[in-house]
Amino acid sequence: MTTTMRLNVQHLNIRPLDMMKAWVEQQLRALGVLRAIDEANVRLVRLKDASPAYQVHVHLVTPDPDVFAATCDHTLRAAFTKAIAQLREQITSRASKRLQRLRSNVKARRGG
């Protein structure tokens, strides 16, 4: 990734750990290979009386349309892993649709 990603992590009812922030950043940088990420806003929530108790909300600010994910699970790691999977799916889906559209435009111009 050529640009610097600004990472904002908000914790609600979760004690912030440097190790957790480093893991979150590592996961998001891996997505940066698929699409440039200018800013990542991550909210990690633990709802004490809910089941599943952990919620993760991610908003990626990109040069293309922004990407969002919201998940929940019984562990923070599982919820965040689901969010990363949602983001990856959205990014690759949009990229494949864009490529398909370009191919059909080229095919139409060639008359075939």
N, C-alpha and C. Protein backbone atom coordinates (compact mmCIF):
# COMPACT_ATOMS: atom_id res chain seq x y z
N MET A 1 0.85 -1.17 0.00
CA MET A 1 0.00 0.00 0.00
C MET A 1 0.90 1.23 0.00
N THR A 2 0.63 2.15 -0.91
CA THR A 2 1.51 3.30 -1.05
C THR A 2 1.12 4.46 -0.14
N THR A 3 -0.13 4.58 0.20
CA THR A 3 -0.57 5.68 1.04
C THR A 3 -0.61 5.26 2.51
N THR A 4 -0.60 6.26 3.36
CA THR A 4 -0.68 5.99 4.79
C THR A 4 -2.15 5.94 5.20
N MET A 5 -2.51 4.88 5.88
CA MET A 5 -3.88 4.72 6.34
C MET A 5 -3.98 5.31 7.74
N ARG A 6 -4.97 6.16 7.94
CA ARG A 6 -5.24 6.68 9.29
C ARG A 6 -6.21 5.71 9.95
N LEU A 7 -5.83 5.21 11.12
CA LEU A 7 -6.64 4.22 11.83
C LEU A 7 -7.21 4.84 13.09
N ASN A 8 -8.54 4.79 13.21
CA ASN A 8 -9.24 5.26 14.40
C ASN A 8 -9.97 4.06 15.00
N VAL A 9 -9.60 3.69 16.23
CA VAL A 9 -10.23 2.56 16.90
C VAL A 9 -10.93 3.09 18.14
N GLN A 10 -12.21 2.82 18.22
CA GLN A 10 -13.02 3.23 19.37
C GLN A 10 -13.43 1.98 20.13
N HIS A 11 -13.24 1.98 21.45
CA HIS A 11 -13.59 0.84 22.30
C HIS A 11 -14.74 1.24 23.21
N LEU A 12 -15.78 0.43 23.24
CA LEU A 12 -16.90 0.66 24.15
C LEU A 12 -17.05 -0.58 25.03
N ASN A 13 -16.82 -0.42 26.32
CA ASN A 13 -16.88 -1.50 27.30
C ASN A 13 -15.84 -2.58 27.05
N ILE A 14 -14.74 -2.21 26.39
CA ILE A 14 -13.62 -3.11 26.13
C ILE A 14 -12.35 -2.36 26.51
N ARG A 15 -11.50 -2.99 27.28
CA ARG A 15 -10.24 -2.36 27.64
C ARG A 15 -9.31 -2.39 26.43
N PRO A 16 -8.85 -1.24 25.97
CA PRO A 16 -7.98 -1.21 24.79
C PRO A 16 -6.61 -1.83 25.09
N LEU A 17 -6.15 -2.65 24.18
CA LEU A 17 -4.84 -3.27 24.30
C LEU A 17 -4.02 -2.94 23.06
N ASP A 18 -2.74 -2.65 23.25
CA ASP A 18 -1.87 -2.36 22.10
C ASP A 18 -1.83 -3.54 21.14
N MET A 19 -1.82 -4.75 21.70
CA MET A 19 -1.78 -5.95 20.89
C MET A 19 -3.03 -6.05 20.00
N MET A 20 -4.19 -5.67 20.55
CA MET A 20 -5.44 -5.72 19.79
C MET A 20 -5.39 -4.71 18.65
N LYS A 21 -4.94 -3.49 18.94
CA LYS A 21 -4.87 -2.47 17.89
C LYS A 21 -3.90 -2.90 16.79
N ALA A 22 -2.79 -3.51 17.16
CA ALA A 22 -1.82 -3.97 16.17
C ALA A 22 -2.43 -5.05 15.28
N TRP A 23 -3.23 -5.96 15.88
CA TRP A 23 -3.87 -7.02 15.11
C TRP A 23 -4.90 -6.44 14.16
N VAL A 24 -5.70 -5.49 14.64
CA VAL A 24 -6.70 -4.82 13.80
C VAL A 24 -6.01 -4.14 12.62
N GLU A 25 -4.92 -3.41 12.92
CA GLU A 25 -4.20 -2.71 11.86
C GLU A 25 -3.62 -3.68 10.84
N GLN A 26 -3.08 -4.80 11.29
CA GLN A 26 -2.52 -5.81 10.40
C GLN A 26 -3.60 -6.35 9.45
N GLN A 27 -4.77 -6.64 9.99
CA GLN A 27 -5.86 -7.17 9.17
C GLN A 27 -6.31 -6.14 8.12
N LEU A 28 -6.39 -4.89 8.51
CA LEU A 28 -6.83 -3.85 7.59
C LEU A 28 -5.77 -3.55 6.53
N ARG A 29 -4.51 -3.61 6.91
CA ARG A 29 -3.44 -3.40 5.92
C ARG A 29 -3.46 -4.50 4.85
N ALA A 30 -3.84 -5.71 5.25
CA ALA A 30 -3.96 -6.80 4.27
C ALA A 30 -5.04 -6.46 3.24
N LEU A 31 -6.11 -5.80 3.67
CA LEU A 31 -7.14 -5.36 2.72
C LEU A 31 -6.64 -4.24 1.83
N GLY A 32 -5.67 -3.47 2.33
CA GLY A 32 -5.10 -2.37 1.55
C GLY A 32 -4.43 -2.83 0.28
N VAL A 33 -4.10 -4.10 0.19
CA VAL A 33 -3.54 -4.65 -1.04
C VAL A 33 -4.61 -4.69 -2.13
N LEU A 34 -5.87 -4.92 -1.72
CA LEU A 34 -6.98 -5.02 -2.67
C LEU A 34 -7.51 -3.65 -3.08
N ARG A 35 -7.47 -2.70 -2.16
CA ARG A 35 -7.99 -1.35 -2.42
C ARG A 35 -7.28 -0.37 -1.49
N ALA A 36 -6.93 0.78 -2.04
CA ALA A 36 -6.30 1.82 -1.21
C ALA A 36 -7.27 2.26 -0.12
N ILE A 37 -6.77 2.33 1.11
CA ILE A 37 -7.59 2.76 2.24
C ILE A 37 -6.97 4.03 2.81
N ASP A 38 -7.72 5.13 2.75
CA ASP A 38 -7.24 6.39 3.30
C ASP A 38 -7.43 6.44 4.81
N GLU A 39 -8.56 5.94 5.27
CA GLU A 39 -8.89 6.00 6.69
C GLU A 39 -9.75 4.80 7.06
N ALA A 40 -9.48 4.25 8.23
CA ALA A 40 -10.28 3.13 8.74
C ALA A 40 -10.84 3.53 10.10
N ASN A 41 -12.15 3.51 10.21
CA ASN A 41 -12.82 3.81 11.48
C ASN A 41 -13.42 2.51 12.00
N VAL A 42 -12.93 2.08 13.16
CA VAL A 42 -13.31 0.80 13.73
C VAL A 42 -13.92 1.05 15.11
N ARG A 43 -15.08 0.46 15.33
CA ARG A 43 -15.72 0.55 16.65
C ARG A 43 -15.90 -0.87 17.18
N LEU A 44 -15.29 -1.14 18.33
CA LEU A 44 -15.36 -2.44 18.99
C LEU A 44 -16.24 -2.27 20.22
N VAL A 45 -17.30 -3.07 20.30
CA VAL A 45 -18.30 -2.89 21.35
C VAL A 45 -18.53 -4.21 22.08
N ARG A 46 -18.64 -4.11 23.40
CA ARG A 46 -19.06 -5.26 24.21
C ARG A 46 -20.33 -4.86 24.94
N LEU A 47 -21.41 -5.58 24.64
CA LEU A 47 -22.68 -5.35 25.30
C LEU A 47 -22.82 -6.39 26.40
N LYS A 48 -22.79 -5.94 27.63
CA LYS A 48 -22.71 -6.86 28.78
C LYS A 48 -23.90 -7.80 28.88
N ASP A 49 -25.08 -7.36 28.53
CA ASP A 49 -26.28 -8.19 28.69
C ASP A 49 -26.79 -8.78 27.39
N ALA A 50 -26.00 -8.74 26.35
CA ALA A 50 -26.44 -9.25 25.04
C ALA A 50 -25.75 -10.57 24.72
N SER A 51 -26.37 -11.32 23.85
CA SER A 51 -25.76 -12.54 23.35
C SER A 51 -26.04 -12.61 21.85
N PRO A 52 -25.05 -12.57 21.01
CA PRO A 52 -23.63 -12.46 21.30
C PRO A 52 -23.27 -11.06 21.80
N ALA A 53 -22.24 -11.00 22.60
CA ALA A 53 -21.90 -9.77 23.33
C ALA A 53 -21.04 -8.79 22.54
N TYR A 54 -20.33 -9.27 21.53
CA TYR A 54 -19.37 -8.40 20.84
C TYR A 54 -19.89 -7.95 19.48
N GLN A 55 -19.74 -6.67 19.23
CA GLN A 55 -20.11 -6.07 17.94
C GLN A 55 -18.90 -5.34 17.37
N VAL A 56 -18.77 -5.40 16.06
CA VAL A 56 -17.70 -4.70 15.37
C VAL A 56 -18.33 -3.93 14.21
N HIS A 57 -17.98 -2.66 14.12
CA HIS A 57 -18.42 -1.80 13.02
C HIS A 57 -17.16 -1.22 12.37
N VAL A 58 -17.07 -1.34 11.05
CA VAL A 58 -15.89 -0.84 10.33
C VAL A 58 -16.37 0.01 9.15
N HIS A 59 -15.74 1.17 9.00
CA HIS A 59 -16.00 2.06 7.87
C HIS A 59 -14.64 2.37 7.24
N LEU A 60 -14.45 1.94 6.01
CA LEU A 60 -13.21 2.20 5.29
C LEU A 60 -13.45 3.34 4.31
N VAL A 61 -12.69 4.40 4.47
CA VAL A 61 -12.74 5.54 3.56
C VAL A 61 -11.71 5.28 2.46
N THR A 62 -12.19 5.22 1.21
CA THR A 62 -11.33 4.88 0.08
C THR A 62 -11.54 5.87 -1.05
N PRO A 63 -10.62 5.91 -2.02
CA PRO A 63 -10.84 6.77 -3.20
C PRO A 63 -12.07 6.34 -4.00
N ASP A 64 -12.38 5.05 -3.97
CA ASP A 64 -13.59 4.52 -4.58
C ASP A 64 -14.71 4.66 -3.56
N PRO A 65 -15.89 4.12 -3.82
CA PRO A 65 -16.93 4.18 -2.79
C PRO A 65 -16.46 3.55 -1.48
N ASP A 66 -16.86 4.16 -0.38
CA ASP A 66 -16.48 3.65 0.94
C ASP A 66 -17.07 2.27 1.15
N VAL A 67 -16.46 1.53 2.08
CA VAL A 67 -16.87 0.16 2.36
C VAL A 67 -17.21 0.07 3.85
N PHE A 68 -18.30 -0.63 4.16
CA PHE A 68 -18.79 -0.76 5.54
C PHE A 68 -19.00 -2.22 5.90
N ALA A 69 -18.85 -2.52 7.20
CA ALA A 69 -19.18 -3.85 7.71
C ALA A 69 -19.67 -3.70 9.15
N ALA A 70 -20.63 -4.53 9.51
CA ALA A 70 -21.13 -4.58 10.88
C ALA A 70 -21.41 -6.03 11.21
N THR A 71 -20.79 -6.54 12.27
CA THR A 71 -20.95 -7.93 12.64
C THR A 71 -21.06 -8.07 14.15
N CYS A 72 -21.46 -9.26 14.58
CA CYS A 72 -21.47 -9.58 16.01
C CYS A 72 -21.15 -11.05 16.19
N ASP A 73 -20.57 -11.38 17.35
CA ASP A 73 -20.25 -12.76 17.65
C ASP A 73 -19.98 -12.87 19.15
N HIS A 74 -19.67 -14.08 19.59
CA HIS A 74 -19.46 -14.33 21.01
C HIS A 74 -18.07 -13.95 21.49
N THR A 75 -17.13 -13.75 20.55
CA THR A 75 -15.80 -13.26 20.90
C THR A 75 -15.47 -12.08 20.01
N LEU A 76 -14.62 -11.21 20.51
CA LEU A 76 -14.22 -10.04 19.73
C LEU A 76 -13.47 -10.46 18.47
N ARG A 77 -12.58 -11.42 18.61
CA ARG A 77 -11.80 -11.88 17.46
C ARG A 77 -12.70 -12.46 16.37
N ALA A 78 -13.69 -13.24 16.75
CA ALA A 78 -14.61 -13.83 15.78
C ALA A 78 -15.44 -12.75 15.09
N ALA A 79 -15.90 -11.77 15.84
CA ALA A 79 -16.69 -10.68 15.25
C ALA A 79 -15.84 -9.88 14.28
N PHE A 80 -14.59 -9.59 14.65
CA PHE A 80 -13.73 -8.81 13.77
C PHE A 80 -13.35 -9.61 12.52
N THR A 81 -13.13 -10.90 12.69
CA THR A 81 -12.82 -11.76 11.54
C THR A 81 -13.98 -11.78 10.55
N LYS A 82 -15.21 -11.83 11.06
CA LYS A 82 -16.39 -11.75 10.19
C LYS A 82 -16.44 -10.42 9.45
N ALA A 83 -16.11 -9.33 10.15
CA ALA A 83 -16.13 -8.01 9.53
C ALA A 83 -15.11 -7.93 8.40
N ILE A 84 -13.92 -8.46 8.62
CA ILE A 84 -12.89 -8.47 7.58
C ILE A 84 -13.37 -9.28 6.38
N ALA A 85 -14.02 -10.41 6.63
CA ALA A 85 -14.54 -11.23 5.53
C ALA A 85 -15.60 -10.46 4.74
N GLN A 86 -16.48 -9.73 5.44
CA GLN A 86 -17.49 -8.91 4.75
C GLN A 86 -16.83 -7.84 3.89
N LEU A 87 -15.84 -7.17 4.45
CA LEU A 87 -15.15 -6.11 3.70
C LEU A 87 -14.45 -6.68 2.48
N ARG A 88 -13.76 -7.80 2.66
CA ARG A 88 -13.05 -8.44 1.54
C ARG A 88 -14.04 -8.83 0.44
N GLU A 89 -15.19 -9.38 0.82
CA GLU A 89 -16.21 -9.77 -0.15
C GLU A 89 -16.72 -8.55 -0.93
N GLN A 90 -17.00 -7.47 -0.23
CA GLN A 90 -17.48 -6.26 -0.90
C GLN A 90 -16.44 -5.72 -1.87
N ILE A 91 -15.19 -5.68 -1.44
CA ILE A 91 -14.13 -5.13 -2.28
C ILE A 91 -13.93 -5.99 -3.52
N THR A 92 -13.84 -7.30 -3.35
CA THR A 92 -13.62 -8.17 -4.51
C THR A 92 -14.84 -8.23 -5.42
N SER A 93 -16.03 -8.15 -4.84
CA SER A 93 -17.25 -8.16 -5.63
C SER A 93 -17.33 -6.92 -6.51
N ARG A 94 -17.05 -5.78 -5.93
CA ARG A 94 -17.07 -4.53 -6.71
C ARG A 94 -16.01 -4.54 -7.79
N ALA A 95 -14.84 -5.07 -7.48
CA ALA A 95 -13.76 -5.13 -8.47
C ALA A 95 -14.14 -6.04 -9.63
N SER A 96 -14.75 -7.20 -9.32
CA SER A 96 -15.12 -8.12 -10.40
C SER A 96 -16.26 -7.55 -11.25
N LYS A 97 -17.19 -6.83 -10.62
CA LYS A 97 -18.26 -6.19 -11.39
C LYS A 97 -17.69 -5.12 -12.32
N ARG A 98 -16.74 -4.36 -11.82
CA ARG A 98 -16.11 -3.32 -12.62
C ARG A 98 -15.38 -3.94 -13.82
N LEU A 99 -14.66 -5.02 -13.57
CA LEU A 99 -13.94 -5.71 -14.65
C LEU A 99 -14.91 -6.28 -15.67
N GLN A 100 -16.00 -6.87 -15.21
CA GLN A 100 -17.00 -7.43 -16.12
C GLN A 100 -17.62 -6.32 -16.98
N ARG A 101 -17.90 -5.18 -16.36
CA ARG A 101 -18.46 -4.05 -17.10
C ARG A 101 -17.48 -3.55 -18.17
N LEU A 102 -16.20 -3.48 -17.83
CA LEU A 102 -15.19 -3.04 -18.80
C LEU A 102 -15.10 -4.03 -19.97
N ARG A 103 -15.13 -5.31 -19.65
CA ARG A 103 -15.07 -6.32 -20.71
C ARG A 103 -16.27 -6.23 -21.64
N SER A 104 -17.46 -6.03 -21.09
CA SER A 104 -18.64 -5.94 -21.95
C SER A 104 -18.61 -4.67 -22.79
N ASN A 105 -18.04 -3.58 -22.24
CA ASN A 105 -17.92 -2.35 -23.04
C ASN A 105 -16.96 -2.53 -24.20
N VAL A 106 -15.84 -3.22 -23.96
CA VAL A 106 -14.87 -3.48 -25.03
C VAL A 106 -15.50 -4.38 -26.09
N LYS A 107 -16.21 -5.39 -25.64
CA LYS A 107 -16.87 -6.32 -26.56
C LYS A 107 -17.90 -5.59 -27.41
N ALA A 108 -18.67 -4.69 -26.82
CA ALA A 108 -19.69 -3.94 -27.56
C ALA A 108 -19.05 -3.02 -28.61
N ARG A 109 -17.91 -2.43 -28.27
CA ARG A 109 -17.22 -1.54 -29.22
C ARG A 109 -16.66 -2.31 -30.40
N ARG A 110 -16.28 -3.56 -30.15
CA ARG A 110 -15.75 -4.39 -31.22
C ARG A 110 -16.87 -4.95 -32.10
N GLY A 111 -18.11 -4.80 -31.62
CA GLY A 111 -19.23 -5.28 -32.40
C GLY A 111 -19.52 -6.76 -32.22
N GLY A 112 -19.03 -7.31 -31.09
CA GLY A 112 -19.22 -8.74 -30.98
C GLY A 112 -19.88 -9.17 -29.78
